[in-house]
Every structure is written in C-alpha cells, then in structure tokens.
Amino acid sequence: MADGLTAGQLGAPAEWNAGKAADQGEFAKLSVPCAEAETGKLAHALRYEEAHGIG
C-alpha cells in the first residue's frame, strides 16, 4: 500500500517494463535465480550482501 492506496487503485504504469513482455526487459533481468550462470539483478545483490556481511 502506498499512501493508503492498494495496487488496484494505483493502477499500472502507462508503459510497463519499457513496453516489453513480462519475460523480457528489466523485469526479466530482476527475476533470474541464483542457480543460473548469470544471476538476475536481485539475486546478484542478495549474494553480494551475503558475501560481504551487509544487510
């Protein structure tokens, strides 16, 4: 919730994921798991934090 509004009330951005499908673009880069050869951005950040004792 943001300022008391739900996701449904806020709606979706006009150009979600830079106009690309959910399995492409920046959102796809975020969701690649740690088990893959090239991890996604989120998995990479979590691995980095764990390795360096951050967070």
C-alpha atoms as a PDB file:
ATOM      1  CA  MET A   1       0.000   0.000   0.000  1.00  0.00           C
ATOM      2  CA  ALA A   2       1.207   3.482  -0.835  1.00  0.00           C
ATOM      3  CA  ASP A   3      -0.431   6.395   0.948  1.00  0.00           C
ATOM      4  CA  GLY A   4      -3.339   4.118   1.860  1.00  0.00           C
ATOM      5  CA  LEU A   5      -3.982   3.067  -1.758  1.00  0.00           C
ATOM      6  CA  THR A   6      -3.884  -0.523  -2.992  1.00  0.00           C
ATOM      7  CA  ALA A   7      -2.169  -1.675  -6.173  1.00  0.00           C
ATOM      8  CA  GLY A   8      -5.542  -1.866  -7.889  1.00  0.00           C
ATOM      9  CA  GLN A   9      -6.291   1.736  -7.004  1.00  0.00           C
ATOM     10  CA  LEU A  10      -2.872   2.938  -8.137  1.00  0.00           C
ATOM     11  CA  GLY A  11      -3.113   1.136 -11.496  1.00  0.00           C
ATOM     12  CA  ALA A  12      -0.282   0.100 -13.782  1.00  0.00           C
ATOM     13  CA  PRO A  13       2.194   2.497 -15.388  1.00  0.00           C
ATOM     14  CA  ALA A  14       1.289   3.522 -18.932  1.00  0.00           C
ATOM     15  CA  GLU A  15       4.405   1.863 -20.352  1.00  0.00           C
ATOM     16  CA  TRP A  16       5.101  -1.089 -18.074  1.00  0.00           C
ATOM     17  CA  ASN A  17       8.548  -2.710 -18.421  1.00  0.00           C
ATOM     18  CA  ALA A  18       9.516  -0.243 -21.158  1.00  0.00           C
ATOM     19  CA  GLY A  19       6.834  -1.730 -23.405  1.00  0.00           C
ATOM     20  CA  LYS A  20       8.358  -5.230 -23.309  1.00  0.00           C
ATOM     21  CA  ALA A  21       6.688  -8.501 -22.293  1.00  0.00           C
ATOM     22  CA  ALA A  22       6.944  -9.640 -18.655  1.00  0.00           C
ATOM     23  CA  ASP A  23       9.560 -12.262 -19.584  1.00  0.00           C
ATOM     24  CA  GLN A  24      11.803  -9.674 -21.275  1.00  0.00           C
ATOM     25  CA  GLY A  25      13.291  -6.307 -20.394  1.00  0.00           C
ATOM     26  CA  GLU A  26      14.304  -5.095 -16.935  1.00  0.00           C
ATOM     27  CA  PHE A  27      11.704  -7.116 -15.042  1.00  0.00           C
ATOM     28  CA  ALA A  28      13.033 -10.350 -16.571  1.00  0.00           C
ATOM     29  CA  LYS A  29      16.587  -9.359 -15.569  1.00  0.00           C
ATOM     30  CA  LEU A  30      15.455  -8.971 -11.962  1.00  0.00           C
ATOM     31  CA  SER A  31      13.957 -12.425 -11.652  1.00  0.00           C
ATOM     32  CA  VAL A  32      16.777 -14.748 -12.799  1.00  0.00           C
ATOM     33  CA  PRO A  33      17.523 -17.120  -9.860  1.00  0.00           C
ATOM     34  CA  CYS A  34      20.924 -17.611  -8.187  1.00  0.00           C
ATOM     35  CA  ALA A  35      21.200 -21.108  -9.701  1.00  0.00           C
ATOM     36  CA  GLU A  36      21.607 -19.707 -13.226  1.00  0.00           C
ATOM     37  CA  ALA A  37      25.032 -18.967 -14.753  1.00  0.00           C
ATOM     38  CA  GLU A  38      24.206 -15.268 -14.921  1.00  0.00           C
ATOM     39  CA  THR A  39      22.119 -14.287 -11.928  1.00  0.00           C
ATOM     40  CA  GLY A  40      19.436 -11.659 -12.066  1.00  0.00           C
ATOM     41  CA  LYS A  41      19.977  -8.225 -10.547  1.00  0.00           C
ATOM     42  CA  LEU A  42      18.096  -9.056  -7.363  1.00  0.00           C
ATOM     43  CA  ALA A  43      19.849 -12.408  -6.868  1.00  0.00           C
ATOM     44  CA  HIS A  44      23.214 -10.758  -7.517  1.00  0.00           C
ATOM     45  CA  ALA A  45      22.528  -8.051  -4.928  1.00  0.00           C
ATOM     46  CA  LEU A  46      21.485 -10.618  -2.312  1.00  0.00           C
ATOM     47  CA  ARG A  47      24.575 -12.740  -2.987  1.00  0.00           C
ATOM     48  CA  TYR A  48      26.787  -9.654  -2.716  1.00  0.00           C
ATOM     49  CA  GLU A  49      25.225  -8.664   0.604  1.00  0.00           C
ATOM     50  CA  GLU A  50      25.664 -12.175   1.965  1.00  0.00           C
ATOM     51  CA  ALA A  51      29.298 -12.403   0.852  1.00  0.00           C
ATOM     52  CA  HIS A  52      30.203  -9.022   2.345  1.00  0.00           C
ATOM     53  CA  GLY A  53      28.147  -9.171   5.529  1.00  0.00           C
ATOM     54  CA  ILE A  54      25.885  -6.302   4.510  1.00  0.00           C
ATOM     55  CA  GLY A  55      22.230  -6.056   5.420  1.00  0.00           C
END
